[in-house]
């Protein structure tokens, strides 16, 4: 079953934070994907904390493990993102990309971000797998 990794899950894995082992297991047993906007968040996080080379290496490492970066951006997709952001008050625009992608391909989202995703999990909008 495909899973969508949000930025928090990818960062936890790359920084060997709590939950990293669970993300690693998804790389071994599932088809991992992330929207380019969520990969951009990872790139930004590593660039800000360290430098551009580290940011590029972080993304390269994820792709080497099998991460497929999805760049969906057709009109129905971005309209769904706008609708999600308007209707769900406690979610970032970037996380709306993960939700829209999960809905589009019937996948689960892997995250550590309860603040953003608890309400999504409760609503049943898509399946959320928390790594911690």
C-alpha atoms as a PDB file:
ATOM      1  CA  UNK A   1       0.000   0.000   0.000  1.00  0.00           C
ATOM      2  CA  UNK A   2       1.408   3.429  -0.836  1.00  0.00           C
ATOM      3  CA  UNK A   3       2.138   5.877   1.947  1.00  0.00           C
ATOM      4  CA  UNK A   4       2.595   9.620   1.799  1.00  0.00           C
ATOM      5  CA  UNK A   5       5.367  10.975   3.991  1.00  0.00           C
ATOM      6  CA  UNK A   6       4.873  14.455   5.337  1.00  0.00           C
ATOM      7  CA  UNK A   7       7.850  16.701   6.064  1.00  0.00           C
ATOM      8  CA  UNK A   8       7.861  15.839   9.781  1.00  0.00           C
ATOM      9  CA  UNK A   9       8.219  12.130   9.038  1.00  0.00           C
ATOM     10  CA  UNK A  10      11.008  12.693   6.515  1.00  0.00           C
ATOM     11  CA  UNK A  11      12.874  15.026   8.879  1.00  0.00           C
ATOM     12  CA  UNK A  12      12.479  12.604  11.794  1.00  0.00           C
ATOM     13  CA  UNK A  13      13.972   9.860   9.646  1.00  0.00           C
ATOM     14  CA  UNK A  14      16.866  11.957   8.339  1.00  0.00           C
ATOM     15  CA  UNK A  15      17.745  13.315  11.792  1.00  0.00           C
ATOM     16  CA  UNK A  16      17.301   9.908  13.479  1.00  0.00           C
ATOM     17  CA  UNK A  17      14.650  11.307  15.808  1.00  0.00           C
ATOM     18  CA  UNK A  18      12.040   9.223  17.649  1.00  0.00           C
ATOM     19  CA  UNK A  19       9.936   7.464  15.027  1.00  0.00           C
ATOM     20  CA  UNK A  20      12.797   7.185  12.525  1.00  0.00           C
ATOM     21  CA  UNK A  21      12.693   3.386  12.709  1.00  0.00           C
ATOM     22  CA  UNK A  22       9.032   3.375  11.751  1.00  0.00           C
ATOM     23  CA  UNK A  23       9.693   5.582   8.731  1.00  0.00           C
ATOM     24  CA  UNK A  24      12.571   3.309   7.734  1.00  0.00           C
ATOM     25  CA  UNK A  25      10.196   0.336   7.864  1.00  0.00           C
ATOM     26  CA  UNK A  26       7.862   2.111   5.437  1.00  0.00           C
ATOM     27  CA  UNK A  27      10.769   2.550   3.022  1.00  0.00           C
ATOM     28  CA  UNK A  28      11.450  -1.211   3.238  1.00  0.00           C
ATOM     29  CA  UNK A  29       7.873  -2.438   2.903  1.00  0.00           C
ATOM     30  CA  UNK A  30       5.780   0.206   1.205  1.00  0.00           C
ATOM     31  CA  UNK A  31       5.764   2.494  -1.761  1.00  0.00           C
ATOM     32  CA  UNK A  32       6.742   5.863  -0.233  1.00  0.00           C
ATOM     33  CA  UNK A  33       5.743   9.124  -1.861  1.00  0.00           C
ATOM     34  CA  UNK A  34       5.728  12.783  -0.958  1.00  0.00           C
ATOM     35  CA  UNK A  35       4.441  15.833  -2.743  1.00  0.00           C
ATOM     36  CA  UNK A  36       7.162  18.176  -4.006  1.00  0.00           C
ATOM     37  CA  UNK A  37       5.855  20.905  -1.671  1.00  0.00           C
ATOM     38  CA  UNK A  38       6.469  18.653   1.346  1.00  0.00           C
ATOM     39  CA  UNK A  39       9.936  17.738   0.038  1.00  0.00           C
ATOM     40  CA  UNK A  40      10.560  21.490  -0.293  1.00  0.00           C
ATOM     41  CA  UNK A  41       9.822  21.796   3.430  1.00  0.00           C
ATOM     42  CA  UNK A  42      12.539  19.217   4.142  1.00  0.00           C
ATOM     43  CA  UNK A  43      14.960  21.010   1.828  1.00  0.00           C
ATOM     44  CA  UNK A  44      14.206  24.329   3.528  1.00  0.00           C
ATOM     45  CA  UNK A  45      14.633  22.839   7.019  1.00  0.00           C
ATOM     46  CA  UNK A  46      18.086  21.433   6.257  1.00  0.00           C
ATOM     47  CA  UNK A  47      19.162  24.532   4.303  1.00  0.00           C
ATOM     48  CA  UNK A  48      18.144  26.817   7.165  1.00  0.00           C
ATOM     49  CA  UNK A  49      19.759  24.641   9.847  1.00  0.00           C
ATOM     50  CA  UNK A  50      22.938  23.847   7.951  1.00  0.00           C
ATOM     51  CA  UNK A  51      23.537  24.729   4.290  1.00  0.00           C
ATOM     52  CA  UNK A  52      22.494  24.111   0.688  1.00  0.00           C
ATOM     53  CA  UNK A  53      24.723  21.058   0.221  1.00  0.00           C
ATOM     54  CA  UNK A  54      23.195  19.378   3.274  1.00  0.00           C
ATOM     55  CA  UNK A  55      19.706  20.205   2.014  1.00  0.00           C
ATOM     56  CA  UNK A  56      20.440  18.685  -1.387  1.00  0.00           C
ATOM     57  CA  UNK A  57      21.956  15.598   0.241  1.00  0.00           C
ATOM     58  CA  UNK A  58      18.884  15.130   2.435  1.00  0.00           C
ATOM     59  CA  UNK A  59      16.605  15.007  -0.604  1.00  0.00           C
ATOM     60  CA  UNK A  60      19.066  12.804  -2.515  1.00  0.00           C
ATOM     61  CA  UNK A  61      19.124  10.354   0.407  1.00  0.00           C
ATOM     62  CA  UNK A  62      15.323  10.124   0.447  1.00  0.00           C
ATOM     63  CA  UNK A  63      15.145   9.508  -3.297  1.00  0.00           C
ATOM     64  CA  UNK A  64      17.910   6.889  -3.065  1.00  0.00           C
ATOM     65  CA  UNK A  65      15.762   5.015  -0.544  1.00  0.00           C
ATOM     66  CA  UNK A  66      12.913   4.948  -3.034  1.00  0.00           C
ATOM     67  CA  UNK A  67      10.901   8.090  -2.282  1.00  0.00           C
ATOM     68  CA  UNK A  68       8.830   9.083  -5.281  1.00  0.00           C
ATOM     69  CA  UNK A  69       8.324  12.825  -5.483  1.00  0.00           C
ATOM     70  CA  UNK A  70       4.900  13.649  -6.876  1.00  0.00           C
ATOM     71  CA  UNK A  71       4.379  16.988  -8.599  1.00  0.00           C
ATOM     72  CA  UNK A  72       0.612  16.855  -9.123  1.00  0.00           C
ATOM     73  CA  UNK A  73      -0.729  20.348  -9.735  1.00  0.00           C
ATOM     74  CA  UNK A  74      -3.644  20.114 -12.118  1.00  0.00           C
ATOM     75  CA  UNK A  75      -6.655  22.336 -11.514  1.00  0.00           C
ATOM     76  CA  UNK A  76      -8.784  19.780  -9.622  1.00  0.00           C
ATOM     77  CA  UNK A  77      -5.807  19.058  -7.361  1.00  0.00           C
ATOM     78  CA  UNK A  78      -5.031  22.652  -6.397  1.00  0.00           C
ATOM     79  CA  UNK A  79      -8.715  23.410  -5.986  1.00  0.00           C
ATOM     80  CA  UNK A  80      -8.978  20.473  -3.561  1.00  0.00           C
ATOM     81  CA  UNK A  81      -6.041  21.935  -1.626  1.00  0.00           C
ATOM     82  CA  UNK A  82      -7.762  25.321  -1.459  1.00  0.00           C
ATOM     83  CA  UNK A  83     -10.976  23.688  -0.271  1.00  0.00           C
ATOM     84  CA  UNK A  84      -9.141  21.699   2.412  1.00  0.00           C
ATOM     85  CA  UNK A  85      -7.339  24.789   3.688  1.00  0.00           C
ATOM     86  CA  UNK A  86     -10.571  26.775   3.812  1.00  0.00           C
ATOM     87  CA  UNK A  87     -12.518  24.049   5.628  1.00  0.00           C
ATOM     88  CA  UNK A  88      -9.866  22.720   8.018  1.00  0.00           C
ATOM     89  CA  UNK A  89      -8.648  25.606  10.113  1.00  0.00           C
ATOM     90  CA  UNK A  90      -5.749  23.905  11.903  1.00  0.00           C
ATOM     91  CA  UNK A  91      -3.710  22.669   8.951  1.00  0.00           C
ATOM     92  CA  UNK A  92      -0.906  24.275   7.001  1.00  0.00           C
ATOM     93  CA  UNK A  93      -1.187  24.794   3.281  1.00  0.00           C
ATOM     94  CA  UNK A  94       1.771  22.429   2.749  1.00  0.00           C
ATOM     95  CA  UNK A  95       0.045  19.677   4.727  1.00  0.00           C
ATOM     96  CA  UNK A  96      -3.037  20.147   2.563  1.00  0.00           C
ATOM     97  CA  UNK A  97      -0.860  18.937  -0.337  1.00  0.00           C
ATOM     98  CA  UNK A  98      -0.168  15.702   1.557  1.00  0.00           C
ATOM     99  CA  UNK A  99      -3.869  15.222   2.342  1.00  0.00           C
ATOM    100  CA  UNK A 100      -4.967  15.926  -1.236  1.00  0.00           C
ATOM    101  CA  UNK A 101      -2.346  13.513  -2.578  1.00  0.00           C
ATOM    102  CA  UNK A 102      -3.366  10.811  -0.093  1.00  0.00           C
ATOM    103  CA  UNK A 103      -6.998  11.215  -1.104  1.00  0.00           C
ATOM    104  CA  UNK A 104      -6.115  11.187  -4.810  1.00  0.00           C
ATOM    105  CA  UNK A 105      -4.241   7.872  -4.668  1.00  0.00           C
ATOM    106  CA  UNK A 106      -6.015   6.308  -1.663  1.00  0.00           C
ATOM    107  CA  UNK A 107      -2.894   6.260   0.510  1.00  0.00           C
ATOM    108  CA  UNK A 108      -2.133   6.793   4.186  1.00  0.00           C
ATOM    109  CA  UNK A 109      -0.155   9.754   5.501  1.00  0.00           C
ATOM    110  CA  UNK A 110       2.823   9.039   7.747  1.00  0.00           C
ATOM    111  CA  UNK A 111       3.539  11.861  10.203  1.00  0.00           C
ATOM    112  CA  UNK A 112       4.523  12.804  13.725  1.00  0.00           C
ATOM    113  CA  UNK A 113       2.517  16.021  13.656  1.00  0.00           C
ATOM    114  CA  UNK A 114      -0.485  15.568  15.926  1.00  0.00           C
ATOM    115  CA  UNK A 115      -1.192  19.320  15.959  1.00  0.00           C
ATOM    116  CA  UNK A 116      -1.898  19.333  12.231  1.00  0.00           C
ATOM    117  CA  UNK A 117      -3.258  15.823  11.688  1.00  0.00           C
ATOM    118  CA  UNK A 118      -5.292  14.776  14.756  1.00  0.00           C
ATOM    119  CA  UNK A 119      -8.410  16.422  13.360  1.00  0.00           C
ATOM    120  CA  UNK A 120      -7.817  14.817   9.950  1.00  0.00           C
ATOM    121  CA  UNK A 121      -7.486  11.389  11.590  1.00  0.00           C
ATOM    122  CA  UNK A 122     -10.683  11.941  13.585  1.00  0.00           C
ATOM    123  CA  UNK A 123     -12.607  13.111  10.528  1.00  0.00           C
ATOM    124  CA  UNK A 124     -11.752  10.020   8.491  1.00  0.00           C
ATOM    125  CA  UNK A 125     -10.814  12.232   5.544  1.00  0.00           C
ATOM    126  CA  UNK A 126      -7.814   9.985   4.987  1.00  0.00           C
ATOM    127  CA  UNK A 127      -5.880   7.473   7.050  1.00  0.00           C
ATOM    128  CA  UNK A 128      -3.130   8.928   9.248  1.00  0.00           C
ATOM    129  CA  UNK A 129      -0.301   6.802  10.671  1.00  0.00           C
ATOM    130  CA  UNK A 130       1.493   8.516  13.536  1.00  0.00           C
ATOM    131  CA  UNK A 131       5.141   7.566  14.126  1.00  0.00           C
ATOM    132  CA  UNK A 132       5.113   8.904  17.691  1.00  0.00           C
END
